[in-house]
Full PDB file with SEQRES, HELIX, SHEET, SSBOND, CRYST1, ORIGX, SCALE, CONECT and MASTER records, all heavy atoms in Angstrom:
SEQRES   1 A   35  SER PRO MET ASN ALA GLU ASP ASP SER LEU MET ALA LEU          
SEQRES   2 A   35  LEU ALA ARG ARG ASP ILE VAL ILE ARG ASP LEU LEU LYS          
SEQRES   3 A   35  ARG ARG GLN PRO TYR LEU THR PRO MET                          
HELIX    1 AA1 ASP A    8  ALA A   15  1                                   8    
HELIX    2 AA2 ARG A   17  LYS A   26  1                                  10    
CRYST1    1.000    1.000    1.000  90.00  90.00  90.00 P 1           1          
ORIGX1      1.000000  0.000000  0.000000        0.00000                         
ORIGX2      0.000000  1.000000  0.000000        0.00000                         
ORIGX3      0.000000  0.000000  1.000000        0.00000                         
SCALE1      1.000000  0.000000  0.000000        0.00000                         
SCALE2      0.000000  1.000000  0.000000        0.00000                         
SCALE3      0.000000  0.000000  1.000000        0.00000                         
ATOM      1  N   SER A   1      -5.443   3.270 -20.850  1.00  0.00           N  
ATOM      2  CA  SER A   1      -5.828   2.440 -21.984  1.00  0.00           C  
ATOM      3  C   SER A   1      -6.016   3.335 -23.203  1.00  0.00           C  
ATOM      4  O   SER A   1      -6.667   4.389 -23.098  1.00  0.00           O  
ATOM      5  CB  SER A   1      -7.136   1.687 -21.678  1.00  0.00           C  
ATOM      6  OG  SER A   1      -7.582   0.967 -22.811  1.00  0.00           O  
ATOM      7  N   PRO A   2      -5.444   2.961 -24.359  1.00  0.00           N  
ATOM      8  CA  PRO A   2      -5.652   3.786 -25.564  1.00  0.00           C  
ATOM      9  C   PRO A   2      -7.138   3.981 -25.835  1.00  0.00           C  
ATOM     10  O   PRO A   2      -7.937   3.052 -25.684  1.00  0.00           O  
ATOM     11  CB  PRO A   2      -4.993   2.966 -26.679  1.00  0.00           C  
ATOM     12  CG  PRO A   2      -3.983   2.112 -25.969  1.00  0.00           C  
ATOM     13  CD  PRO A   2      -4.602   1.789 -24.640  1.00  0.00           C  
ATOM     14  N   MET A   3      -7.514   5.196 -26.184  1.00  0.00           N  
ATOM     15  CA  MET A   3      -8.925   5.466 -26.460  1.00  0.00           C  
ATOM     16  C   MET A   3      -9.421   4.587 -27.606  1.00  0.00           C  
ATOM     17  O   MET A   3      -8.674   4.251 -28.519  1.00  0.00           O  
ATOM     18  CB  MET A   3      -9.132   6.940 -26.804  1.00  0.00           C  
ATOM     19  CG  MET A   3      -9.114   7.859 -25.591  1.00  0.00           C  
ATOM     20  SD  MET A   3      -9.562   9.568 -26.004  1.00  0.00           S  
ATOM     21  CE  MET A   3     -11.267   9.363 -26.523  1.00  0.00           C  
ATOM     22  N   ASN A   4     -10.685   4.177 -27.477  1.00  0.00           N  
ATOM     23  CA  ASN A   4     -11.354   3.321 -28.457  1.00  0.00           C  
ATOM     24  C   ASN A   4     -10.878   1.875 -28.403  1.00  0.00           C  
ATOM     25  O   ASN A   4     -11.289   1.060 -29.228  1.00  0.00           O  
ATOM     26  CB  ASN A   4     -11.169   3.853 -29.897  1.00  0.00           C  
ATOM     27  CG  ASN A   4     -11.676   5.281 -30.033  1.00  0.00           C  
ATOM     28  OD1 ASN A   4     -12.718   5.628 -29.491  1.00  0.00           O  
ATOM     29  ND2 ASN A   4     -10.909   6.101 -30.749  1.00  0.00           N  
ATOM     30  N   ALA A   5     -10.008   1.547 -27.442  1.00  0.00           N  
ATOM     31  CA  ALA A   5      -9.600   0.151 -27.290  1.00  0.00           C  
ATOM     32  C   ALA A   5     -10.682  -0.614 -26.539  1.00  0.00           C  
ATOM     33  O   ALA A   5     -11.505  -0.036 -25.831  1.00  0.00           O  
ATOM     34  CB  ALA A   5      -8.268   0.067 -26.541  1.00  0.00           C  
ATOM     35  N   GLU A   6     -10.678  -1.930 -26.691  1.00  0.00           N  
ATOM     36  CA  GLU A   6     -11.634  -2.775 -25.973  1.00  0.00           C  
ATOM     37  C   GLU A   6     -11.287  -2.732 -24.494  1.00  0.00           C  
ATOM     38  O   GLU A   6     -10.199  -3.126 -24.087  1.00  0.00           O  
ATOM     39  CB  GLU A   6     -11.544  -4.213 -26.487  1.00  0.00           C  
ATOM     40  CG  GLU A   6     -12.472  -5.183 -25.775  1.00  0.00           C  
ATOM     41  CD  GLU A   6     -13.927  -4.817 -25.967  1.00  0.00           C  
ATOM     42  OE1 GLU A   6     -14.337  -4.522 -27.101  1.00  0.00           O  
ATOM     43  OE2 GLU A   6     -14.654  -4.821 -24.946  1.00  0.00           O  
ATOM     44  N   ASP A   7     -12.212  -2.217 -23.661  1.00  0.00           N  
ATOM     45  CA  ASP A   7     -11.887  -2.017 -22.249  1.00  0.00           C  
ATOM     46  C   ASP A   7     -12.752  -2.850 -21.309  1.00  0.00           C  
ATOM     47  O   ASP A   7     -12.706  -2.654 -20.101  1.00  0.00           O  
ATOM     48  CB  ASP A   7     -11.985  -0.542 -21.869  1.00  0.00           C  
ATOM     49  CG  ASP A   7     -13.382   0.039 -22.122  1.00  0.00           C  
ATOM     50  OD1 ASP A   7     -14.275  -0.732 -22.525  1.00  0.00           O  
ATOM     51  OD2 ASP A   7     -13.553   1.247 -21.914  1.00  0.00           O  
ATOM     52  N   ASP A   8     -13.550  -3.769 -21.854  1.00  0.00           N  
ATOM     53  CA  ASP A   8     -14.406  -4.582 -20.991  1.00  0.00           C  
ATOM     54  C   ASP A   8     -13.587  -5.408 -20.007  1.00  0.00           C  
ATOM     55  O   ASP A   8     -13.924  -5.529 -18.835  1.00  0.00           O  
ATOM     56  CB  ASP A   8     -15.297  -5.505 -21.834  1.00  0.00           C  
ATOM     57  CG  ASP A   8     -16.389  -4.726 -22.559  1.00  0.00           C  
ATOM     58  OD1 ASP A   8     -16.605  -3.557 -22.201  1.00  0.00           O  
ATOM     59  OD2 ASP A   8     -16.993  -5.299 -23.482  1.00  0.00           O  
ATOM     60  N   SER A   9     -12.483  -5.992 -20.510  1.00  0.00           N  
ATOM     61  CA  SER A   9     -11.671  -6.832 -19.634  1.00  0.00           C  
ATOM     62  C   SER A   9     -10.988  -5.997 -18.559  1.00  0.00           C  
ATOM     63  O   SER A   9     -10.837  -6.437 -17.421  1.00  0.00           O  
ATOM     64  CB  SER A   9     -10.616  -7.586 -20.456  1.00  0.00           C  
ATOM     65  OG  SER A   9      -9.768  -6.672 -21.140  1.00  0.00           O  
ATOM     66  N   LEU A  10     -10.586  -4.764 -18.910  1.00  0.00           N  
ATOM     67  CA  LEU A  10      -9.965  -3.884 -17.925  1.00  0.00           C  
ATOM     68  C   LEU A  10     -10.961  -3.504 -16.836  1.00  0.00           C  
ATOM     69  O   LEU A  10     -10.644  -3.527 -15.646  1.00  0.00           O  
ATOM     70  CB  LEU A  10      -9.423  -2.630 -18.610  1.00  0.00           C  
ATOM     71  CG  LEU A  10      -8.784  -1.580 -17.689  1.00  0.00           C  
ATOM     72  CD1 LEU A  10      -7.614  -2.176 -16.931  1.00  0.00           C  
ATOM     73  CD2 LEU A  10      -8.339  -0.369 -18.508  1.00  0.00           C  
ATOM     74  N   MET A  11     -12.174  -3.155 -17.232  1.00  0.00           N  
ATOM     75  CA  MET A  11     -13.198  -2.810 -16.247  1.00  0.00           C  
ATOM     76  C   MET A  11     -13.523  -3.998 -15.355  1.00  0.00           C  
ATOM     77  O   MET A  11     -13.728  -3.859 -14.150  1.00  0.00           O  
ATOM     78  CB  MET A  11     -14.459  -2.322 -16.965  1.00  0.00           C  
ATOM     79  CG  MET A  11     -14.312  -0.945 -17.594  1.00  0.00           C  
ATOM     80  SD  MET A  11     -13.992   0.343 -16.355  1.00  0.00           S  
ATOM     81  CE  MET A  11     -15.560   0.345 -15.481  1.00  0.00           C  
ATOM     82  N   ALA A  12     -13.555  -5.188 -15.937  1.00  0.00           N  
ATOM     83  CA  ALA A  12     -13.827  -6.389 -15.145  1.00  0.00           C  
ATOM     84  C   ALA A  12     -12.720  -6.615 -14.121  1.00  0.00           C  
ATOM     85  O   ALA A  12     -12.981  -6.992 -12.971  1.00  0.00           O  
ATOM     86  CB  ALA A  12     -13.957  -7.605 -16.061  1.00  0.00           C  
ATOM     87  N   LEU A  13     -11.470  -6.360 -14.540  1.00  0.00           N  
ATOM     88  CA  LEU A  13     -10.352  -6.522 -13.606  1.00  0.00           C  
ATOM     89  C   LEU A  13     -10.437  -5.507 -12.476  1.00  0.00           C  
ATOM     90  O   LEU A  13     -10.285  -5.849 -11.300  1.00  0.00           O  
ATOM     91  CB  LEU A  13      -9.024  -6.363 -14.351  1.00  0.00           C  
ATOM     92  CG  LEU A  13      -7.765  -6.309 -13.467  1.00  0.00           C  
ATOM     93  CD1 LEU A  13      -7.596  -7.623 -12.703  1.00  0.00           C  
ATOM     94  CD2 LEU A  13      -6.527  -6.018 -14.302  1.00  0.00           C  
ATOM     95  N   LEU A  14     -10.678  -4.241 -12.812  1.00  0.00           N  
ATOM     96  CA  LEU A  14     -10.736  -3.205 -11.785  1.00  0.00           C  
ATOM     97  C   LEU A  14     -11.879  -3.446 -10.814  1.00  0.00           C  
ATOM     98  O   LEU A  14     -11.811  -3.034  -9.648  1.00  0.00           O  
ATOM     99  CB  LEU A  14     -10.882  -1.825 -12.432  1.00  0.00           C  
ATOM    100  CG  LEU A  14      -9.678  -1.341 -13.247  1.00  0.00           C  
ATOM    101  CD1 LEU A  14      -9.980   0.006 -13.882  1.00  0.00           C  
ATOM    102  CD2 LEU A  14      -8.425  -1.266 -12.392  1.00  0.00           C  
ATOM    103  N   ALA A  15     -12.931  -4.100 -11.277  1.00  0.00           N  
ATOM    104  CA  ALA A  15     -14.054  -4.401 -10.386  1.00  0.00           C  
ATOM    105  C   ALA A  15     -13.689  -5.460  -9.353  1.00  0.00           C  
ATOM    106  O   ALA A  15     -14.312  -5.535  -8.297  1.00  0.00           O  
ATOM    107  CB  ALA A  15     -15.262  -4.863 -11.201  1.00  0.00           C  
ATOM    108  N   ARG A  16     -12.687  -6.292  -9.664  1.00  0.00           N  
ATOM    109  CA  ARG A  16     -12.242  -7.312  -8.712  1.00  0.00           C  
ATOM    110  C   ARG A  16     -11.156  -6.726  -7.833  1.00  0.00           C  
ATOM    111  O   ARG A  16      -9.966  -6.897  -8.048  1.00  0.00           O  
ATOM    112  CB  ARG A  16     -11.721  -8.547  -9.453  1.00  0.00           C  
ATOM    113  CG  ARG A  16     -12.780  -9.369 -10.115  1.00  0.00           C  
ATOM    114  CD  ARG A  16     -13.752  -9.994  -9.116  1.00  0.00           C  
ATOM    115  NE  ARG A  16     -13.071 -10.687  -8.036  1.00  0.00           N  
ATOM    116  CZ  ARG A  16     -12.679 -11.963  -8.147  1.00  0.00           C  
ATOM    117  NH1 ARG A  16     -12.902 -12.636  -9.250  1.00  0.00           N  
ATOM    118  NH2 ARG A  16     -12.072 -12.551  -7.135  1.00  0.00           N  
ATOM    119  N   ARG A  17     -11.566  -5.995  -6.801  1.00  0.00           N  
ATOM    120  CA  ARG A  17     -10.640  -5.277  -5.938  1.00  0.00           C  
ATOM    121  C   ARG A  17      -9.630  -6.217  -5.287  1.00  0.00           C  
ATOM    122  O   ARG A  17      -8.466  -5.878  -5.122  1.00  0.00           O  
ATOM    123  CB  ARG A  17     -11.416  -4.522  -4.865  1.00  0.00           C  
ATOM    124  CG  ARG A  17     -12.349  -3.464  -5.410  1.00  0.00           C  
ATOM    125  CD  ARG A  17     -13.252  -2.909  -4.325  1.00  0.00           C  
ATOM    126  NE  ARG A  17     -12.493  -2.257  -3.272  1.00  0.00           N  
ATOM    127  CZ  ARG A  17     -12.074  -1.004  -3.349  1.00  0.00           C  
ATOM    128  NH1 ARG A  17     -12.324  -0.283  -4.411  1.00  0.00           N  
ATOM    129  NH2 ARG A  17     -11.405  -0.465  -2.351  1.00  0.00           N  
ATOM    130  N   ASP A  18     -10.084  -7.408  -4.897  1.00  0.00           N  
ATOM    131  CA  ASP A  18      -9.185  -8.331  -4.206  1.00  0.00           C  
ATOM    132  C   ASP A  18      -8.025  -8.749  -5.093  1.00  0.00           C  
ATOM    133  O   ASP A  18      -6.875  -8.816  -4.651  1.00  0.00           O  
ATOM    134  CB  ASP A  18      -9.956  -9.563  -3.719  1.00  0.00           C  
ATOM    135  CG  ASP A  18     -10.699 -10.270  -4.850  1.00  0.00           C  
ATOM    136  OD1 ASP A  18     -11.028  -9.612  -5.860  1.00  0.00           O  
ATOM    137  OD2 ASP A  18     -10.953 -11.474  -4.710  1.00  0.00           O  
ATOM    138  N   ILE A  19      -8.310  -8.992  -6.387  1.00  0.00           N  
ATOM    139  CA  ILE A  19      -7.261  -9.397  -7.306  1.00  0.00           C  
ATOM    140  C   ILE A  19      -6.289  -8.253  -7.560  1.00  0.00           C  
ATOM    141  O   ILE A  19      -5.070  -8.430  -7.554  1.00  0.00           O  
ATOM    142  CB  ILE A  19      -7.872  -9.885  -8.637  1.00  0.00           C  
ATOM    143  CG1 ILE A  19      -8.682 -11.164  -8.409  1.00  0.00           C  
ATOM    144  CG2 ILE A  19      -6.791 -10.114  -9.686  1.00  0.00           C  
ATOM    145  CD1 ILE A  19      -9.395 -11.669  -9.645  1.00  0.00           C  
ATOM    146  N   VAL A  20      -6.825  -7.049  -7.773  1.00  0.00           N  
ATOM    147  CA  VAL A  20      -5.971  -5.885  -8.047  1.00  0.00           C  
ATOM    148  C   VAL A  20      -5.044  -5.615  -6.875  1.00  0.00           C  
ATOM    149  O   VAL A  20      -3.832  -5.438  -7.043  1.00  0.00           O  
ATOM    150  CB  VAL A  20      -6.827  -4.637  -8.354  1.00  0.00           C  
ATOM    151  CG1 VAL A  20      -5.942  -3.399  -8.496  1.00  0.00           C  
ATOM    152  CG2 VAL A  20      -7.629  -4.850  -9.635  1.00  0.00           C  
ATOM    153  N   ILE A  21      -5.583  -5.591  -5.670  1.00  0.00           N  
ATOM    154  CA  ILE A  21      -4.769  -5.296  -4.484  1.00  0.00           C  
ATOM    155  C   ILE A  21      -3.701  -6.356  -4.290  1.00  0.00           C  
ATOM    156  O   ILE A  21      -2.534  -6.048  -4.041  1.00  0.00           O  
ATOM    157  CB  ILE A  21      -5.660  -5.193  -3.235  1.00  0.00           C  
ATOM    158  CG1 ILE A  21      -6.546  -3.949  -3.329  1.00  0.00           C  
ATOM    159  CG2 ILE A  21      -4.818  -5.129  -1.966  1.00  0.00           C  
ATOM    160  CD1 ILE A  21      -7.572  -3.847  -2.229  1.00  0.00           C  
ATOM    161  N   ARG A  22      -4.089  -7.626  -4.413  1.00  0.00           N  
ATOM    162  CA  ARG A  22      -3.113  -8.698  -4.193  1.00  0.00           C  
ATOM    163  C   ARG A  22      -1.985  -8.627  -5.212  1.00  0.00           C  
ATOM    164  O   ARG A  22      -0.811  -8.781  -4.876  1.00  0.00           O  
ATOM    165  CB  ARG A  22      -3.814 -10.056  -4.266  1.00  0.00           C  
ATOM    166  CG  ARG A  22      -2.889 -11.232  -3.938  1.00  0.00           C  
ATOM    167  CD  ARG A  22      -3.666 -12.513  -3.716  1.00  0.00           C  
ATOM    168  NE  ARG A  22      -4.351 -12.934  -4.927  1.00  0.00           N  
ATOM    169  CZ  ARG A  22      -5.670 -13.031  -5.038  1.00  0.00           C  
ATOM    170  NH1 ARG A  22      -6.450 -12.723  -4.029  1.00  0.00           N  
ATOM    171  NH2 ARG A  22      -6.229 -13.432  -6.165  1.00  0.00           N  
ATOM    172  N   ASP A  23      -2.331  -8.351  -6.490  1.00  0.00           N  
ATOM    173  CA  ASP A  23      -1.319  -8.304  -7.535  1.00  0.00           C  
ATOM    174  C   ASP A  23      -0.381  -7.122  -7.339  1.00  0.00           C  
ATOM    175  O   ASP A  23       0.836  -7.223  -7.524  1.00  0.00           O  
ATOM    176  CB  ASP A  23      -1.991  -8.227  -8.904  1.00  0.00           C  
ATOM    177  CG  ASP A  23      -1.013  -8.505 -10.033  1.00  0.00           C  
ATOM    178  OD1 ASP A  23      -0.327  -9.540  -9.966  1.00  0.00           O  
ATOM    179  OD2 ASP A  23      -0.922  -7.683 -10.955  1.00  0.00           O  
ATOM    180  N   LEU A  24      -0.937  -5.968  -6.949  1.00  0.00           N  
ATOM    181  CA  LEU A  24      -0.094  -4.789  -6.719  1.00  0.00           C  
ATOM    182  C   LEU A  24       0.846  -4.993  -5.547  1.00  0.00           C  
ATOM    183  O   LEU A  24       2.024  -4.647  -5.597  1.00  0.00           O  
ATOM    184  CB  LEU A  24      -0.971  -3.559  -6.469  1.00  0.00           C  
ATOM    185  CG  LEU A  24      -1.742  -3.005  -7.677  1.00  0.00           C  
ATOM    186  CD1 LEU A  24      -2.683  -1.910  -7.223  1.00  0.00           C  
ATOM    187  CD2 LEU A  24      -0.791  -2.499  -8.742  1.00  0.00           C  
ATOM    188  N   LEU A  25       0.325  -5.579  -4.463  1.00  0.00           N  
ATOM    189  CA  LEU A  25       1.139  -5.725  -3.263  1.00  0.00           C  
ATOM    190  C   LEU A  25       2.245  -6.763  -3.437  1.00  0.00           C  
ATOM    191  O   LEU A  25       3.276  -6.693  -2.768  1.00  0.00           O  
ATOM    192  CB  LEU A  25       0.249  -6.093  -2.069  1.00  0.00           C  
ATOM    193  CG  LEU A  25      -0.644  -4.946  -1.591  1.00  0.00           C  
ATOM    194  CD1 LEU A  25      -1.598  -5.432  -0.516  1.00  0.00           C  
ATOM    195  CD2 LEU A  25       0.189  -3.785  -1.079  1.00  0.00           C  
ATOM    196  N   LYS A  26       2.055  -7.722  -4.340  1.00  0.00           N  
ATOM    197  CA  LYS A  26       3.116  -8.691  -4.609  1.00  0.00           C  
ATOM    198  C   LYS A  26       4.353  -8.010  -5.175  1.00  0.00           C  
ATOM    199  O   LYS A  26       5.465  -8.492  -5.011  1.00  0.00           O  
ATOM    200  CB  LYS A  26       2.613  -9.751  -5.594  1.00  0.00           C  
ATOM    201  CG  LYS A  26       1.715 -10.799  -4.974  1.00  0.00           C  
ATOM    202  CD  LYS A  26       1.286 -11.823  -6.008  1.00  0.00           C  
ATOM    203  CE  LYS A  26       0.377 -12.880  -5.385  1.00  0.00           C  
ATOM    204  NZ  LYS A  26      -0.105 -13.852  -6.391  1.00  0.00           N  
ATOM    205  N   ARG A  27       4.145  -6.872  -5.834  1.00  0.00           N  
ATOM    206  CA  ARG A  27       5.247  -6.150  -6.465  1.00  0.00           C  
ATOM    207  C   ARG A  27       5.798  -5.025  -5.585  1.00  0.00           C  
ATOM    208  O   ARG A  27       6.756  -4.377  -5.958  1.00  0.00           O  
ATOM    209  CB  ARG A  27       4.776  -5.556  -7.802  1.00  0.00           C  
ATOM    210  CG  ARG A  27       4.463  -6.606  -8.849  1.00  0.00           C  
ATOM    211  CD  ARG A  27       3.686  -6.017 -10.009  1.00  0.00           C  
ATOM    212  NE  ARG A  27       3.590  -6.943 -11.132  1.00  0.00           N  
ATOM    213  CZ  ARG A  27       2.776  -7.981 -11.173  1.00  0.00           C  
ATOM    214  NH1 ARG A  27       1.994  -8.241 -10.146  1.00  0.00           N  
ATOM    215  NH2 ARG A  27       2.745  -8.777 -12.227  1.00  0.00           N  
ATOM    216  N   ARG A  28       5.185  -4.814  -4.463  1.00  0.00           N  
ATOM    217  CA  ARG A  28       5.573  -3.682  -3.627  1.00  0.00           C  
ATOM    218  C   ARG A  28       6.634  -4.095  -2.609  1.00  0.00           C  
ATOM    219  O   ARG A  28       6.482  -5.096  -1.912  1.00  0.00           O  
ATOM    220  CB  ARG A  28       4.346  -3.136  -2.898  1.00  0.00           C  
ATOM    221  CG  ARG A  28       4.618  -1.829  -2.183  1.00  0.00           C  
ATOM    222  CD  ARG A  28       3.330  -1.173  -1.766  1.00  0.00           C  
ATOM    223  NE  ARG A  28       3.524   0.215  -1.412  1.00  0.00           N  
ATOM    224  CZ  ARG A  28       2.561   1.065  -1.184  1.00  0.00           C  
ATOM    225  NH1 ARG A  28       1.304   0.674  -1.269  1.00  0.00           N  
ATOM    226  NH2 ARG A  28       2.804   2.323  -0.867  1.00  0.00           N  
ATOM    227  N   GLN A  29       7.672  -3.311  -2.531  1.00  0.00           N  
ATOM    228  CA  GLN A  29       8.748  -3.581  -1.582  1.00  0.00           C  
ATOM    229  C   GLN A  29       8.403  -2.989  -0.213  1.00  0.00           C  
ATOM    230  O   GLN A  29       7.606  -2.057  -0.120  1.00  0.00           O  
ATOM    231  CB  GLN A  29      10.054  -2.959  -2.101  1.00  0.00           C  
ATOM    232  CG  GLN A  29      10.528  -3.551  -3.414  1.00  0.00           C  
ATOM    233  CD  GLN A  29      10.809  -5.017  -3.307  1.00  0.00           C  
ATOM    234  OE1 GLN A  29      11.488  -5.473  -2.389  1.00  0.00           O  
ATOM    235  NE2 GLN A  29      10.274  -5.805  -4.236  1.00  0.00           N  
ATOM    236  N   PRO A  30       8.984  -3.540   0.861  1.00  0.00           N  
ATOM    237  CA  PRO A  30       8.763  -2.922   2.187  1.00  0.00           C  
ATOM    238  C   PRO A  30       9.174  -1.454   2.170  1.00  0.00           C  
ATOM    239  O   PRO A  30      10.122  -1.068   1.482  1.00  0.00           O  
ATOM    240  CB  PRO A  30       9.688  -3.748   3.091  1.00  0.00           C  
ATOM    241  CG  PRO A  30       9.862  -5.044   2.390  1.00  0.00           C  
ATOM    242  CD  PRO A  30       9.854  -4.723   0.919  1.00  0.00           C  
ATOM    243  N   TYR A  31       8.441  -0.641   2.921  1.00  0.00           N  
ATOM    244  CA  TYR A  31       8.754   0.784   2.940  1.00  0.00           C  
ATOM    245  C   TYR A  31       8.535   1.343   4.336  1.00  0.00           C  
ATOM    246  O   TYR A  31       7.745   0.831   5.114  1.00  0.00           O  
ATOM    247  CB  TYR A  31       7.920   1.553   1.912  1.00  0.00           C  
ATOM    248  CG  TYR A  31       6.423   1.525   2.148  1.00  0.00           C  
ATOM    249  CD1 TYR A  31       5.776   2.585   2.774  1.00  0.00           C  
ATOM    250  CD2 TYR A  31       5.654   0.440   1.744  1.00  0.00           C  
ATOM    251  CE1 TYR A  31       4.401   2.577   2.986  1.00  0.00           C  
ATOM    252  CE2 TYR A  31       4.281   0.418   1.957  1.00  0.00           C  
ATOM    253  CZ  TYR A  31       3.669   1.484   2.572  1.00  0.00           C  
ATOM    254  OH  TYR A  31       2.317   1.461   2.789  1.00  0.00           O  
ATOM    255  N   LEU A  32       9.277   2.414   4.625  1.00  0.00           N  
ATOM    256  CA  LEU A  32       9.206   3.080   5.915  1.00  0.00           C  
ATOM    257  C   LEU A  32       8.079   4.104   5.867  1.00  0.00           C  
ATOM    258  O   LEU A  32       8.026   4.934   4.954  1.00  0.00           O  
ATOM    259  CB  LEU A  32      10.539   3.755   6.224  1.00  0.00           C  
ATOM    260  CG  LEU A  32      10.737   4.329   7.632  1.00  0.00           C  
ATOM    261  CD1 LEU A  32      10.720   3.215   8.669  1.00  0.00           C  
ATOM    262  CD2 LEU A  32      12.058   5.091   7.696  1.00  0.00           C  
ATOM    263  N   THR A  33       7.178   4.057   6.853  1.00  0.00           N  
ATOM    264  CA  THR A  33       6.011   4.928   6.795  1.00  0.00           C  
ATOM    265  C   THR A  33       5.561   5.346   8.191  1.00  0.00           C  
ATOM    266  O   THR A  33       5.683   4.570   9.143  1.00  0.00           O  
ATOM    267  CB  THR A  33       4.845   4.215   6.084  1.00  0.00           C  
ATOM    268  OG1 THR A  33       3.695   5.068   6.066  1.00  0.00           O  
ATOM    269  CG2 THR A  33       4.477   2.921   6.783  1.00  0.00           C  
ATOM    270  N   PRO A  34       5.031   6.567   8.313  1.00  0.00           N  
ATOM    271  CA  PRO A  34       4.332   6.919   9.560  1.00  0.00           C  
ATOM    272  C   PRO A  34       3.075   6.066   9.664  1.00  0.00           C  
ATOM    273  O   PRO A  34       2.466   5.712   8.649  1.00  0.00           O  
ATOM    274  CB  PRO A  34       3.975   8.397   9.373  1.00  0.00           C  
ATOM    275  CG  PRO A  34       4.715   8.851   8.174  1.00  0.00           C  
ATOM    276  CD  PRO A  34       5.002   7.668   7.340  1.00  0.00           C  
ATOM    277  N   MET A  35       2.687   5.738  10.884  1.00  0.00           N  
ATOM    278  CA  MET A  35       1.530   4.875  11.050  1.00  0.00           C  
ATOM    279  C   MET A  35       1.073   4.877  12.495  1.00  0.00           C  
ATOM    280  O   MET A  35       1.787   5.346  13.391  1.00  0.00           O  
ATOM    281  CB  MET A  35       1.881   3.445  10.652  1.00  0.00           C  
ATOM    282  CG  MET A  35       2.989   2.854  11.527  1.00  0.00           C  
ATOM    283  SD  MET A  35       3.436   1.195  11.048  1.00  0.00           S  
ATOM    284  CE  MET A  35       1.863   0.394  11.132  1.00  0.00           C  
TER     285      MET A  35                                                      
MASTER        0    0    0    2    0    0    0    6  284    1    0    3          
END                                                                             
């Protein structure tokens, strides 16, 4: 985020872990991984 920008909404989003994870995973393609 550009310095001195309004970041309250960003912090509120990052605090909602469930929303962040769900949104990121919707964009993630299947991948090959050790497990």
